[in-house]
Amino acid sequence: MRLMPDLKRIIEALLFTHGHPLTVRELADLLPEWSREEVAKAAEELFQEYEERGVSFKVERIAGGYQFRSRPEYAQWIRRLKKVRPIKLSRAAMEALAIVAYRQPVSRGEVEEIRGVDSGWVLGSLMEKGLIKPVGRKEAPGRPLLYGTTKKFLEVFGLRDLKDLPTLQEIDALKEG
């Protein structure tokens, strides 16, 4: 077994330079000198190290992998540097996105049935922003497209995977609190 600190520093360098989440599988493919289990253990230890350090950035579990991210309390200053506006979504877009996220794969017709209004433009806008994508076709007359969320959706909303979406009970608790 190789020295774990060396592997952690290599993973740290890969995450730092890549800028997007890297899964354990992707890391293991890049690091054939170590087993997948060693890579997974080192990535998790790195995550824990950064959690405990309390510095302005951390290794976060996101979109099924690991990624360096700044802590939320520094966002306003980072936006000045990057001159990037956070993705803004209208209420209609948030409604449609929530339906897709919780019901995927879902057709435009199903989204419209739930919302009670035409949703073609909203779904197009969400696709343009890279938050949803076509994931197949429904076995129904006309074979309508089915939509699902993207990896970018997970990144934007800080989710490791779809299981991290809040439950209806958690949403209700937020409304009450």
C-alpha atoms as a PDB file:
ATOM      1  CA  MET A   1       0.000   0.000   0.000  1.00  0.00           C
ATOM      2  CA  ARG A   2       1.348   3.407  -0.948  1.00  0.00           C
ATOM      3  CA  LEU A   3       1.570   6.331   1.422  1.00  0.00           C
ATOM      4  CA  MET A   4      -1.915   7.777   1.771  1.00  0.00           C
ATOM      5  CA  PRO A   5      -0.734  11.400   2.225  1.00  0.00           C
ATOM      6  CA  ASP A   6       0.872  11.290  -1.236  1.00  0.00           C
ATOM      7  CA  LEU A   7      -2.347  10.041  -2.807  1.00  0.00           C
ATOM      8  CA  LYS A   8      -4.393  12.688  -0.993  1.00  0.00           C
ATOM      9  CA  ARG A   9      -2.090  15.444  -2.251  1.00  0.00           C
ATOM     10  CA  ILE A  10      -2.371  14.100  -5.817  1.00  0.00           C
ATOM     11  CA  ILE A  11      -6.179  14.049  -5.579  1.00  0.00           C
ATOM     12  CA  GLU A  12      -6.059  17.548  -4.092  1.00  0.00           C
ATOM     13  CA  ALA A  13      -4.035  18.771  -7.101  1.00  0.00           C
ATOM     14  CA  LEU A  14      -6.406  17.094  -9.568  1.00  0.00           C
ATOM     15  CA  LEU A  15      -9.492  18.617  -7.939  1.00  0.00           C
ATOM     16  CA  PHE A  16      -7.842  22.029  -7.739  1.00  0.00           C
ATOM     17  CA  THR A  17      -6.886  22.136 -11.422  1.00  0.00           C
ATOM     18  CA  HIS A  18      -9.977  20.455 -12.886  1.00  0.00           C
ATOM     19  CA  GLY A  19     -12.570  22.905 -11.581  1.00  0.00           C
ATOM     20  CA  HIS A  20     -15.490  20.496 -11.986  1.00  0.00           C
ATOM     21  CA  PRO A  21     -16.520  17.541  -9.833  1.00  0.00           C
ATOM     22  CA  LEU A  22     -14.490  14.367 -10.283  1.00  0.00           C
ATOM     23  CA  THR A  23     -16.050  11.053  -9.311  1.00  0.00           C
ATOM     24  CA  VAL A  24     -14.106   8.305  -7.552  1.00  0.00           C
ATOM     25  CA  ARG A  25     -14.285   6.345 -10.792  1.00  0.00           C
ATOM     26  CA  GLU A  26     -12.756   9.233 -12.772  1.00  0.00           C
ATOM     27  CA  LEU A  27     -10.064   9.699 -10.136  1.00  0.00           C
ATOM     28  CA  ALA A  28      -9.308   5.959 -10.092  1.00  0.00           C
ATOM     29  CA  ASP A  29      -9.022   5.965 -13.903  1.00  0.00           C
ATOM     30  CA  LEU A  30      -6.499   8.815 -13.632  1.00  0.00           C
ATOM     31  CA  LEU A  31      -4.599   7.026 -10.855  1.00  0.00           C
ATOM     32  CA  PRO A  32      -4.180   3.379 -11.905  1.00  0.00           C
ATOM     33  CA  GLU A  33      -1.286   3.005  -9.428  1.00  0.00           C
ATOM     34  CA  TRP A  34      -3.858   2.837  -6.613  1.00  0.00           C
ATOM     35  CA  SER A  35      -6.943   0.699  -6.165  1.00  0.00           C
ATOM     36  CA  ARG A  36     -10.391   2.239  -6.421  1.00  0.00           C
ATOM     37  CA  GLU A  37     -10.864   1.605  -2.692  1.00  0.00           C
ATOM     38  CA  GLU A  38      -7.639   3.496  -1.855  1.00  0.00           C
ATOM     39  CA  VAL A  39      -8.726   6.396  -4.060  1.00  0.00           C
ATOM     40  CA  ALA A  40     -12.189   6.477  -2.461  1.00  0.00           C
ATOM     41  CA  LYS A  41     -10.682   6.408   1.039  1.00  0.00           C
ATOM     42  CA  ALA A  42      -8.181   9.173   0.220  1.00  0.00           C
ATOM     43  CA  ALA A  43     -10.881  11.374  -1.365  1.00  0.00           C
ATOM     44  CA  GLU A  44     -13.089  10.962   1.693  1.00  0.00           C
ATOM     45  CA  GLU A  45     -10.171  11.748   4.036  1.00  0.00           C
ATOM     46  CA  LEU A  46      -9.428  14.863   1.978  1.00  0.00           C
ATOM     47  CA  PHE A  47     -13.081  15.891   2.308  1.00  0.00           C
ATOM     48  CA  GLN A  48     -12.833  15.468   6.094  1.00  0.00           C
ATOM     49  CA  GLU A  49      -9.537  17.395   6.285  1.00  0.00           C
ATOM     50  CA  TYR A  50     -11.028  20.425   4.573  1.00  0.00           C
ATOM     51  CA  GLU A  51     -14.168  20.259   6.711  1.00  0.00           C
ATOM     52  CA  GLU A  52     -12.016  20.468   9.833  1.00  0.00           C
ATOM     53  CA  ARG A  53      -9.621  23.168   8.574  1.00  0.00           C
ATOM     54  CA  GLY A  54     -12.192  25.942   8.480  1.00  0.00           C
ATOM     55  CA  VAL A  55     -10.477  27.757   5.600  1.00  0.00           C
ATOM     56  CA  SER A  56     -12.343  29.798   2.981  1.00  0.00           C
ATOM     57  CA  PHE A  57     -12.802  26.812   0.665  1.00  0.00           C
ATOM     58  CA  LYS A  58     -13.539  23.141   1.046  1.00  0.00           C
ATOM     59  CA  VAL A  59     -13.737  19.865  -0.809  1.00  0.00           C
ATOM     60  CA  GLU A  60     -17.416  19.241  -1.330  1.00  0.00           C
ATOM     61  CA  ARG A  61     -19.293  16.099  -2.333  1.00  0.00           C
ATOM     62  CA  ILE A  62     -21.203  17.299  -5.359  1.00  0.00           C
ATOM     63  CA  ALA A  63     -22.796  15.845  -8.505  1.00  0.00           C
ATOM     64  CA  GLY A  64     -21.608  12.345  -7.605  1.00  0.00           C
ATOM     65  CA  GLY A  65     -17.987  13.409  -7.095  1.00  0.00           C
ATOM     66  CA  TYR A  66     -15.689  15.792  -5.276  1.00  0.00           C
ATOM     67  CA  GLN A  67     -14.937  19.423  -6.096  1.00  0.00           C
ATOM     68  CA  PHE A  68     -13.179  22.374  -4.507  1.00  0.00           C
ATOM     69  CA  ARG A  69     -15.716  25.086  -3.680  1.00  0.00           C
ATOM     70  CA  SER A  70     -15.540  28.308  -1.764  1.00  0.00           C
ATOM     71  CA  ARG A  71     -17.625  28.540   1.360  1.00  0.00           C
ATOM     72  CA  PRO A  72     -20.969  30.338   0.851  1.00  0.00           C
ATOM     73  CA  GLU A  73     -20.089  33.185   3.208  1.00  0.00           C
ATOM     74  CA  TYR A  74     -17.484  34.425   0.671  1.00  0.00           C
ATOM     75  CA  ALA A  75     -19.799  34.374  -2.373  1.00  0.00           C
ATOM     76  CA  GLN A  76     -20.420  38.130  -2.593  1.00  0.00           C
ATOM     77  CA  TRP A  77     -16.692  38.875  -2.946  1.00  0.00           C
ATOM     78  CA  ILE A  78     -16.039  36.024  -5.343  1.00  0.00           C
ATOM     79  CA  ARG A  79     -18.837  37.254  -7.621  1.00  0.00           C
ATOM     80  CA  ARG A  80     -17.035  40.610  -7.860  1.00  0.00           C
ATOM     81  CA  LEU A  81     -13.922  38.851  -9.087  1.00  0.00           C
ATOM     82  CA  LYS A  82     -15.682  36.599 -11.538  1.00  0.00           C
ATOM     83  CA  LYS A  83     -18.336  39.130 -12.550  1.00  0.00           C
ATOM     84  CA  VAL A  84     -20.722  36.190 -12.656  1.00  0.00           C
ATOM     85  CA  ARG A  85     -24.325  36.507 -11.678  1.00  0.00           C
ATOM     86  CA  PRO A  86     -25.931  33.559 -10.012  1.00  0.00           C
ATOM     87  CA  ILE A  87     -28.504  31.775 -12.159  1.00  0.00           C
ATOM     88  CA  LYS A  88     -31.806  33.549 -11.651  1.00  0.00           C
ATOM     89  CA  LEU A  89     -34.974  31.624 -12.254  1.00  0.00           C
ATOM     90  CA  SER A  90     -38.506  32.919 -12.451  1.00  0.00           C
ATOM     91  CA  ARG A  91     -41.190  31.382 -10.281  1.00  0.00           C
ATOM     92  CA  ALA A  92     -42.493  29.517 -13.355  1.00  0.00           C
ATOM     93  CA  ALA A  93     -39.016  28.156 -14.093  1.00  0.00           C
ATOM     94  CA  MET A  94     -38.558  27.053 -10.468  1.00  0.00           C
ATOM     95  CA  GLU A  95     -41.943  25.301 -10.550  1.00  0.00           C
ATOM     96  CA  ALA A  96     -41.115  23.463 -13.765  1.00  0.00           C
ATOM     97  CA  LEU A  97     -37.602  22.609 -12.556  1.00  0.00           C
ATOM     98  CA  ALA A  98     -38.979  21.212  -9.296  1.00  0.00           C
ATOM     99  CA  ILE A  99     -41.446  19.051 -11.231  1.00  0.00           C
ATOM    100  CA  VAL A 100     -38.673  17.720 -13.473  1.00  0.00           C
ATOM    101  CA  ALA A 101     -36.340  17.126 -10.509  1.00  0.00           C
ATOM    102  CA  TYR A 102     -38.870  15.220  -8.426  1.00  0.00           C
ATOM    103  CA  ARG A 103     -40.769  13.401 -11.193  1.00  0.00           C
ATOM    104  CA  GLN A 104     -38.074  12.676 -13.780  1.00  0.00           C
ATOM    105  CA  PRO A 105     -38.238  11.395 -16.379  1.00  0.00           C
ATOM    106  CA  VAL A 106     -41.224  13.596 -17.164  1.00  0.00           C
ATOM    107  CA  SER A 107     -42.804  14.849 -20.392  1.00  0.00           C
ATOM    108  CA  ARG A 108     -43.770  18.415 -21.239  1.00  0.00           C
ATOM    109  CA  GLY A 109     -47.422  17.365 -21.099  1.00  0.00           C
ATOM    110  CA  GLU A 110     -47.016  16.044 -17.563  1.00  0.00           C
ATOM    111  CA  VAL A 111     -45.301  19.274 -16.468  1.00  0.00           C
ATOM    112  CA  GLU A 112     -48.129  21.297 -18.038  1.00  0.00           C
ATOM    113  CA  GLU A 113     -50.780  19.107 -16.410  1.00  0.00           C
ATOM    114  CA  ILE A 114     -49.269  19.715 -12.966  1.00  0.00           C
ATOM    115  CA  ARG A 115     -48.674  23.446 -13.514  1.00  0.00           C
ATOM    116  CA  GLY A 116     -51.935  24.025 -15.374  1.00  0.00           C
ATOM    117  CA  VAL A 117     -50.296  26.240 -18.024  1.00  0.00           C
ATOM    118  CA  ASP A 118     -48.188  25.933 -21.175  1.00  0.00           C
ATOM    119  CA  SER A 119     -44.609  25.162 -20.169  1.00  0.00           C
ATOM    120  CA  GLY A 120     -42.776  24.820 -23.478  1.00  0.00           C
ATOM    121  CA  TRP A 121     -40.971  28.145 -23.192  1.00  0.00           C
ATOM    122  CA  VAL A 122     -39.984  27.511 -19.568  1.00  0.00           C
ATOM    123  CA  LEU A 123     -38.600  24.044 -20.357  1.00  0.00           C
ATOM    124  CA  GLY A 124     -36.656  25.532 -23.287  1.00  0.00           C
ATOM    125  CA  SER A 125     -35.188  28.161 -20.980  1.00  0.00           C
ATOM    126  CA  LEU A 126     -34.149  25.514 -18.440  1.00  0.00           C
ATOM    127  CA  MET A 127     -32.483  23.503 -21.227  1.00  0.00           C
ATOM    128  CA  GLU A 128     -30.686  26.650 -22.432  1.00  0.00           C
ATOM    129  CA  LYS A 129     -29.322  27.160 -18.906  1.00  0.00           C
ATOM    130  CA  GLY A 130     -28.156  23.534 -18.894  1.00  0.00           C
ATOM    131  CA  LEU A 131     -30.312  22.542 -15.907  1.00  0.00           C
ATOM    132  CA  ILE A 132     -32.456  19.950 -17.713  1.00  0.00           C
ATOM    133  CA  LYS A 133     -32.019  17.809 -20.811  1.00  0.00           C
ATOM    134  CA  PRO A 134     -33.994  15.313 -22.890  1.00  0.00           C
ATOM    135  CA  VAL A 135     -33.408  11.836 -21.464  1.00  0.00           C
ATOM    136  CA  GLY A 136     -35.581   9.751 -23.759  1.00  0.00           C
ATOM    137  CA  ARG A 137     -39.023   9.450 -25.290  1.00  0.00           C
ATOM    138  CA  LYS A 138     -42.258   8.349 -23.683  1.00  0.00           C
ATOM    139  CA  GLU A 139     -43.921   5.205 -24.981  1.00  0.00           C
ATOM    140  CA  ALA A 140     -47.122   7.061 -25.844  1.00  0.00           C
ATOM    141  CA  PRO A 141     -48.745   8.490 -28.975  1.00  0.00           C
ATOM    142  CA  GLY A 142     -46.433  11.066 -30.539  1.00  0.00           C
ATOM    143  CA  ARG A 143     -43.518   9.731 -28.434  1.00  0.00           C
ATOM    144  CA  PRO A 144     -43.002  12.995 -26.533  1.00  0.00           C
ATOM    145  CA  LEU A 145     -39.599  13.871 -25.105  1.00  0.00           C
ATOM    146  CA  LEU A 146     -38.894  13.031 -21.491  1.00  0.00           C
ATOM    147  CA  TYR A 147     -36.848  15.477 -19.423  1.00  0.00           C
ATOM    148  CA  GLY A 148     -34.452  14.981 -16.542  1.00  0.00           C
ATOM    149  CA  THR A 149     -31.997  17.109 -14.625  1.00  0.00           C
ATOM    150  CA  THR A 150     -28.319  17.480 -15.518  1.00  0.00           C
ATOM    151  CA  LYS A 151     -25.031  17.315 -13.651  1.00  0.00           C
ATOM    152  CA  LYS A 152     -25.020  21.127 -13.804  1.00  0.00           C
ATOM    153  CA  PHE A 153     -28.345  21.106 -11.897  1.00  0.00           C
ATOM    154  CA  LEU A 154     -26.646  19.162  -9.107  1.00  0.00           C
ATOM    155  CA  GLU A 155     -23.688  21.570  -9.126  1.00  0.00           C
ATOM    156  CA  VAL A 156     -25.832  24.733  -9.110  1.00  0.00           C
ATOM    157  CA  PHE A 157     -27.985  23.502  -6.242  1.00  0.00           C
ATOM    158  CA  GLY A 158     -25.079  21.959  -4.323  1.00  0.00           C
ATOM    159  CA  LEU A 159     -26.423  18.409  -4.416  1.00  0.00           C
ATOM    160  CA  ARG A 160     -24.335  15.259  -4.333  1.00  0.00           C
ATOM    161  CA  ASP A 161     -27.079  13.367  -6.175  1.00  0.00           C
ATOM    162  CA  LEU A 162     -30.863  13.426  -6.542  1.00  0.00           C
ATOM    163  CA  LYS A 163     -31.298  11.619  -3.224  1.00  0.00           C
ATOM    164  CA  ASP A 164     -30.145  14.881  -1.588  1.00  0.00           C
ATOM    165  CA  LEU A 165     -33.254  16.732  -2.804  1.00  0.00           C
ATOM    166  CA  PRO A 166     -35.271  17.842   0.217  1.00  0.00           C
ATOM    167  CA  THR A 167     -38.347  15.788   1.027  1.00  0.00           C
ATOM    168  CA  LEU A 168     -41.792  17.372   1.128  1.00  0.00           C
ATOM    169  CA  GLN A 169     -41.644  17.188   4.931  1.00  0.00           C
ATOM    170  CA  GLU A 170     -38.353  19.120   4.952  1.00  0.00           C
ATOM    171  CA  ILE A 171     -39.804  21.745   2.622  1.00  0.00           C
ATOM    172  CA  ASP A 172     -42.888  22.113   4.845  1.00  0.00           C
ATOM    173  CA  ALA A 173     -40.638  22.469   7.910  1.00  0.00           C
ATOM    174  CA  LEU A 174     -38.708  25.267   6.168  1.00  0.00           C
ATOM    175  CA  LYS A 175     -41.950  27.082   5.368  1.00  0.00           C
ATOM    176  CA  GLU A 176     -43.084  26.857   8.982  1.00  0.00           C
ATOM    177  CA  GLY A 177     -39.702  27.827  10.484  1.00  0.00           C
END
